[in-house]
């Protein structure tokens, strides 16, 4: 049986669309298995985790000051911040591996935006974007325990 040429073209187009869609969904880290969310810039997309606590703002890390921890490269704005993290990474690393805290509380993973952050009880939480952060802020009292219950199962499933 011979298929018309237009049908082959439609089939190839559908395969390409599916491949692009899967690539996009993978970039959102919806099916993550790494213990720390990271990009080509490292954990937290290259932002300094210590700065959230010391400067109370997101600060880009400098590639001269790095530390390897939990399979990811962490960047810091200064040697002082790098040393603080190296001495106590659990103190400064974002909760839930830096994945979106709202997503983890909901039972899945998603990438996070370093600018959509919140410190609660000496713990750093990141969210997908500012809109999700708004929802997180309203419901964080319920979502934090849910996230703790789901973590790290969401990256092991």
C-alpha atoms as a PDB file:
ATOM      1  CA  UNK A   1       0.000   0.000   0.000  1.00  0.00           C
ATOM      2  CA  UNK A   2       1.353   3.385  -0.997  1.00  0.00           C
ATOM      3  CA  UNK A   3       0.624   6.471   1.127  1.00  0.00           C
ATOM      4  CA  UNK A   4       0.029   9.843  -0.523  1.00  0.00           C
ATOM      5  CA  UNK A   5       2.976  12.236  -0.183  1.00  0.00           C
ATOM      6  CA  UNK A   6       0.890  14.736   1.792  1.00  0.00           C
ATOM      7  CA  UNK A   7       0.220  12.066   4.436  1.00  0.00           C
ATOM      8  CA  UNK A   8       3.957  11.479   4.895  1.00  0.00           C
ATOM      9  CA  UNK A   9       4.490  15.226   5.281  1.00  0.00           C
ATOM     10  CA  UNK A  10       1.773  15.420   7.927  1.00  0.00           C
ATOM     11  CA  UNK A  11       3.322  12.464   9.761  1.00  0.00           C
ATOM     12  CA  UNK A  12       6.790  14.028   9.734  1.00  0.00           C
ATOM     13  CA  UNK A  13       5.342  17.350  10.929  1.00  0.00           C
ATOM     14  CA  UNK A  14       3.546  15.615  13.811  1.00  0.00           C
ATOM     15  CA  UNK A  15       6.737  13.833  14.857  1.00  0.00           C
ATOM     16  CA  UNK A  16       8.639  17.134  14.816  1.00  0.00           C
ATOM     17  CA  UNK A  17       5.943  18.886  16.850  1.00  0.00           C
ATOM     18  CA  UNK A  18       5.959  16.036  19.391  1.00  0.00           C
ATOM     19  CA  UNK A  19       9.764  16.190  19.679  1.00  0.00           C
ATOM     20  CA  UNK A  20       9.701  19.957  20.253  1.00  0.00           C
ATOM     21  CA  UNK A  21       6.889  19.606  22.816  1.00  0.00           C
ATOM     22  CA  UNK A  22       8.782  16.894  24.710  1.00  0.00           C
ATOM     23  CA  UNK A  23      11.913  19.031  24.690  1.00  0.00           C
ATOM     24  CA  UNK A  24       9.964  21.976  26.087  1.00  0.00           C
ATOM     25  CA  UNK A  25       8.312  19.891  28.789  1.00  0.00           C
ATOM     26  CA  UNK A  26      11.687  18.421  29.725  1.00  0.00           C
ATOM     27  CA  UNK A  27      13.106  21.954  30.069  1.00  0.00           C
ATOM     28  CA  UNK A  28      10.407  22.635  32.671  1.00  0.00           C
ATOM     29  CA  UNK A  29      11.858  19.720  34.666  1.00  0.00           C
ATOM     30  CA  UNK A  30       8.459  18.087  35.109  1.00  0.00           C
ATOM     31  CA  UNK A  31      10.049  14.632  35.291  1.00  0.00           C
ATOM     32  CA  UNK A  32      13.237  15.501  37.100  1.00  0.00           C
ATOM     33  CA  UNK A  33      15.356  12.830  38.757  1.00  0.00           C
ATOM     34  CA  UNK A  34      18.356  14.897  39.856  1.00  0.00           C
ATOM     35  CA  UNK A  35      18.460  15.780  43.572  1.00  0.00           C
ATOM     36  CA  UNK A  36      19.234  19.409  42.682  1.00  0.00           C
ATOM     37  CA  UNK A  37      17.594  21.434  39.947  1.00  0.00           C
ATOM     38  CA  UNK A  38      20.287  22.960  37.751  1.00  0.00           C
ATOM     39  CA  UNK A  39      20.904  24.602  34.398  1.00  0.00           C
ATOM     40  CA  UNK A  40      24.043  25.213  32.372  1.00  0.00           C
ATOM     41  CA  UNK A  41      24.833  27.933  34.928  1.00  0.00           C
ATOM     42  CA  UNK A  42      24.608  25.469  37.818  1.00  0.00           C
ATOM     43  CA  UNK A  43      22.198  25.233  40.736  1.00  0.00           C
ATOM     44  CA  UNK A  44      19.691  28.085  41.065  1.00  0.00           C
ATOM     45  CA  UNK A  45      20.679  29.060  37.508  1.00  0.00           C
ATOM     46  CA  UNK A  46      23.967  30.427  38.862  1.00  0.00           C
ATOM     47  CA  UNK A  47      22.569  32.543  41.696  1.00  0.00           C
ATOM     48  CA  UNK A  48      24.295  32.657  45.085  1.00  0.00           C
ATOM     49  CA  UNK A  49      22.194  30.741  47.664  1.00  0.00           C
ATOM     50  CA  UNK A  50      23.900  32.479  50.601  1.00  0.00           C
ATOM     51  CA  UNK A  51      22.955  35.932  49.275  1.00  0.00           C
ATOM     52  CA  UNK A  52      19.253  35.252  49.827  1.00  0.00           C
ATOM     53  CA  UNK A  53      20.014  35.160  53.548  1.00  0.00           C
ATOM     54  CA  UNK A  54      22.793  37.744  53.858  1.00  0.00           C
ATOM     55  CA  UNK A  55      21.697  40.339  51.288  1.00  0.00           C
ATOM     56  CA  UNK A  56      17.984  39.428  51.327  1.00  0.00           C
ATOM     57  CA  UNK A  57      17.966  39.520  47.540  1.00  0.00           C
ATOM     58  CA  UNK A  58      18.933  37.279  44.623  1.00  0.00           C
ATOM     59  CA  UNK A  59      22.532  37.871  43.527  1.00  0.00           C
ATOM     60  CA  UNK A  60      24.231  36.253  40.543  1.00  0.00           C
ATOM     61  CA  UNK A  61      27.154  34.074  41.500  1.00  0.00           C
ATOM     62  CA  UNK A  62      30.612  34.519  40.055  1.00  0.00           C
ATOM     63  CA  UNK A  63      32.068  31.481  38.232  1.00  0.00           C
ATOM     64  CA  UNK A  64      35.341  32.068  40.130  1.00  0.00           C
ATOM     65  CA  UNK A  65      33.628  31.028  43.377  1.00  0.00           C
ATOM     66  CA  UNK A  66      32.095  27.583  42.996  1.00  0.00           C
ATOM     67  CA  UNK A  67      31.373  24.571  45.158  1.00  0.00           C
ATOM     68  CA  UNK A  68      30.230  21.093  44.095  1.00  0.00           C
ATOM     69  CA  UNK A  69      27.448  19.611  46.209  1.00  0.00           C
ATOM     70  CA  UNK A  70      24.751  16.999  45.542  1.00  0.00           C
ATOM     71  CA  UNK A  71      25.786  16.609  41.924  1.00  0.00           C
ATOM     72  CA  UNK A  72      25.471  20.299  41.060  1.00  0.00           C
ATOM     73  CA  UNK A  73      27.792  23.268  40.762  1.00  0.00           C
ATOM     74  CA  UNK A  74      26.874  26.160  43.033  1.00  0.00           C
ATOM     75  CA  UNK A  75      28.075  29.705  42.323  1.00  0.00           C
ATOM     76  CA  UNK A  76      28.717  32.453  44.851  1.00  0.00           C
ATOM     77  CA  UNK A  77      29.208  36.198  44.766  1.00  0.00           C
ATOM     78  CA  UNK A  78      32.243  36.001  47.070  1.00  0.00           C
ATOM     79  CA  UNK A  79      34.710  33.611  48.651  1.00  0.00           C
ATOM     80  CA  UNK A  80      33.088  34.358  52.017  1.00  0.00           C
ATOM     81  CA  UNK A  81      29.701  33.131  50.734  1.00  0.00           C
ATOM     82  CA  UNK A  82      31.293  30.060  49.136  1.00  0.00           C
ATOM     83  CA  UNK A  83      32.982  29.152  52.430  1.00  0.00           C
ATOM     84  CA  UNK A  84      29.731  29.627  54.375  1.00  0.00           C
ATOM     85  CA  UNK A  85      27.900  27.288  52.006  1.00  0.00           C
ATOM     86  CA  UNK A  86      30.701  24.703  52.018  1.00  0.00           C
ATOM     87  CA  UNK A  87      30.575  24.626  55.822  1.00  0.00           C
ATOM     88  CA  UNK A  88      26.771  24.185  55.996  1.00  0.00           C
ATOM     89  CA  UNK A  89      25.129  23.497  52.598  1.00  0.00           C
ATOM     90  CA  UNK A  90      21.860  22.286  54.144  1.00  0.00           C
ATOM     91  CA  UNK A  91      21.543  25.684  55.838  1.00  0.00           C
ATOM     92  CA  UNK A  92      21.690  27.667  52.590  1.00  0.00           C
ATOM     93  CA  UNK A  93      20.528  25.357  49.794  1.00  0.00           C
ATOM     94  CA  UNK A  94      16.941  25.875  48.680  1.00  0.00           C
ATOM     95  CA  UNK A  95      14.420  23.353  49.907  1.00  0.00           C
ATOM     96  CA  UNK A  96      13.304  20.540  47.627  1.00  0.00           C
ATOM     97  CA  UNK A  97      16.513  20.668  45.592  1.00  0.00           C
ATOM     98  CA  UNK A  98      15.667  24.114  44.255  1.00  0.00           C
ATOM     99  CA  UNK A  99      12.672  22.815  42.299  1.00  0.00           C
ATOM    100  CA  UNK A 100       9.473  24.843  42.474  1.00  0.00           C
ATOM    101  CA  UNK A 101       8.227  24.424  46.057  1.00  0.00           C
ATOM    102  CA  UNK A 102       4.585  24.720  44.986  1.00  0.00           C
ATOM    103  CA  UNK A 103       5.058  21.932  42.431  1.00  0.00           C
ATOM    104  CA  UNK A 104       6.765  19.613  44.943  1.00  0.00           C
ATOM    105  CA  UNK A 105       3.946  20.245  47.431  1.00  0.00           C
ATOM    106  CA  UNK A 106       1.546  19.282  44.628  1.00  0.00           C
ATOM    107  CA  UNK A 107       3.395  16.018  43.927  1.00  0.00           C
ATOM    108  CA  UNK A 108       5.636  16.790  40.939  1.00  0.00           C
ATOM    109  CA  UNK A 109       8.723  18.803  40.011  1.00  0.00           C
ATOM    110  CA  UNK A 110       9.070  21.965  37.962  1.00  0.00           C
ATOM    111  CA  UNK A 111      11.926  24.367  37.365  1.00  0.00           C
ATOM    112  CA  UNK A 112      12.123  27.483  39.464  1.00  0.00           C
ATOM    113  CA  UNK A 113      12.888  31.138  38.891  1.00  0.00           C
ATOM    114  CA  UNK A 114      15.654  32.492  41.171  1.00  0.00           C
ATOM    115  CA  UNK A 115      13.707  35.766  41.359  1.00  0.00           C
ATOM    116  CA  UNK A 116      10.571  34.017  42.721  1.00  0.00           C
ATOM    117  CA  UNK A 117      11.878  33.268  46.192  1.00  0.00           C
ATOM    118  CA  UNK A 118      10.841  33.350  49.823  1.00  0.00           C
ATOM    119  CA  UNK A 119      12.627  32.619  53.104  1.00  0.00           C
ATOM    120  CA  UNK A 120      10.423  31.037  55.750  1.00  0.00           C
ATOM    121  CA  UNK A 121      11.770  29.709  59.040  1.00  0.00           C
ATOM    122  CA  UNK A 122      15.401  30.076  57.902  1.00  0.00           C
ATOM    123  CA  UNK A 123      14.666  27.985  54.795  1.00  0.00           C
ATOM    124  CA  UNK A 124      14.824  29.159  51.177  1.00  0.00           C
ATOM    125  CA  UNK A 125      11.943  28.258  48.870  1.00  0.00           C
ATOM    126  CA  UNK A 126      11.892  28.909  45.136  1.00  0.00           C
ATOM    127  CA  UNK A 127       8.897  28.910  42.810  1.00  0.00           C
ATOM    128  CA  UNK A 128       8.255  28.601  39.086  1.00  0.00           C
ATOM    129  CA  UNK A 129       7.476  32.303  38.613  1.00  0.00           C
ATOM    130  CA  UNK A 130       6.013  35.310  40.437  1.00  0.00           C
ATOM    131  CA  UNK A 131       2.424  34.188  39.824  1.00  0.00           C
ATOM    132  CA  UNK A 132       3.066  30.778  41.405  1.00  0.00           C
ATOM    133  CA  UNK A 133       4.927  32.519  44.227  1.00  0.00           C
ATOM    134  CA  UNK A 134       1.776  34.562  44.959  1.00  0.00           C
ATOM    135  CA  UNK A 135      -0.236  31.347  45.279  1.00  0.00           C
ATOM    136  CA  UNK A 136       2.569  29.851  47.395  1.00  0.00           C
ATOM    137  CA  UNK A 137       2.554  32.815  49.764  1.00  0.00           C
ATOM    138  CA  UNK A 138      -1.202  32.499  50.359  1.00  0.00           C
ATOM    139  CA  UNK A 139      -1.046  28.770  51.110  1.00  0.00           C
ATOM    140  CA  UNK A 140       2.517  28.238  52.373  1.00  0.00           C
ATOM    141  CA  UNK A 141       1.444  27.107  55.845  1.00  0.00           C
ATOM    142  CA  UNK A 142      -0.216  24.047  54.258  1.00  0.00           C
ATOM    143  CA  UNK A 143       2.182  23.659  51.326  1.00  0.00           C
ATOM    144  CA  UNK A 144       5.450  23.489  53.290  1.00  0.00           C
ATOM    145  CA  UNK A 145       4.451  20.295  55.176  1.00  0.00           C
ATOM    146  CA  UNK A 146       3.037  18.799  51.950  1.00  0.00           C
ATOM    147  CA  UNK A 147       6.306  19.486  50.153  1.00  0.00           C
ATOM    148  CA  UNK A 148       8.266  17.903  53.002  1.00  0.00           C
ATOM    149  CA  UNK A 149       6.014  14.844  52.781  1.00  0.00           C
ATOM    150  CA  UNK A 150       6.508  14.572  48.993  1.00  0.00           C
ATOM    151  CA  UNK A 151      10.276  15.215  48.989  1.00  0.00           C
ATOM    152  CA  UNK A 152      12.336  13.381  47.740  1.00  0.00           C
ATOM    153  CA  UNK A 153       9.730  10.881  46.490  1.00  0.00           C
ATOM    154  CA  UNK A 154       8.877  13.207  43.561  1.00  0.00           C
ATOM    155  CA  UNK A 155      12.348  12.712  42.060  1.00  0.00           C
ATOM    156  CA  UNK A 156      12.446   8.976  42.812  1.00  0.00           C
ATOM    157  CA  UNK A 157       9.146   8.002  41.161  1.00  0.00           C
END
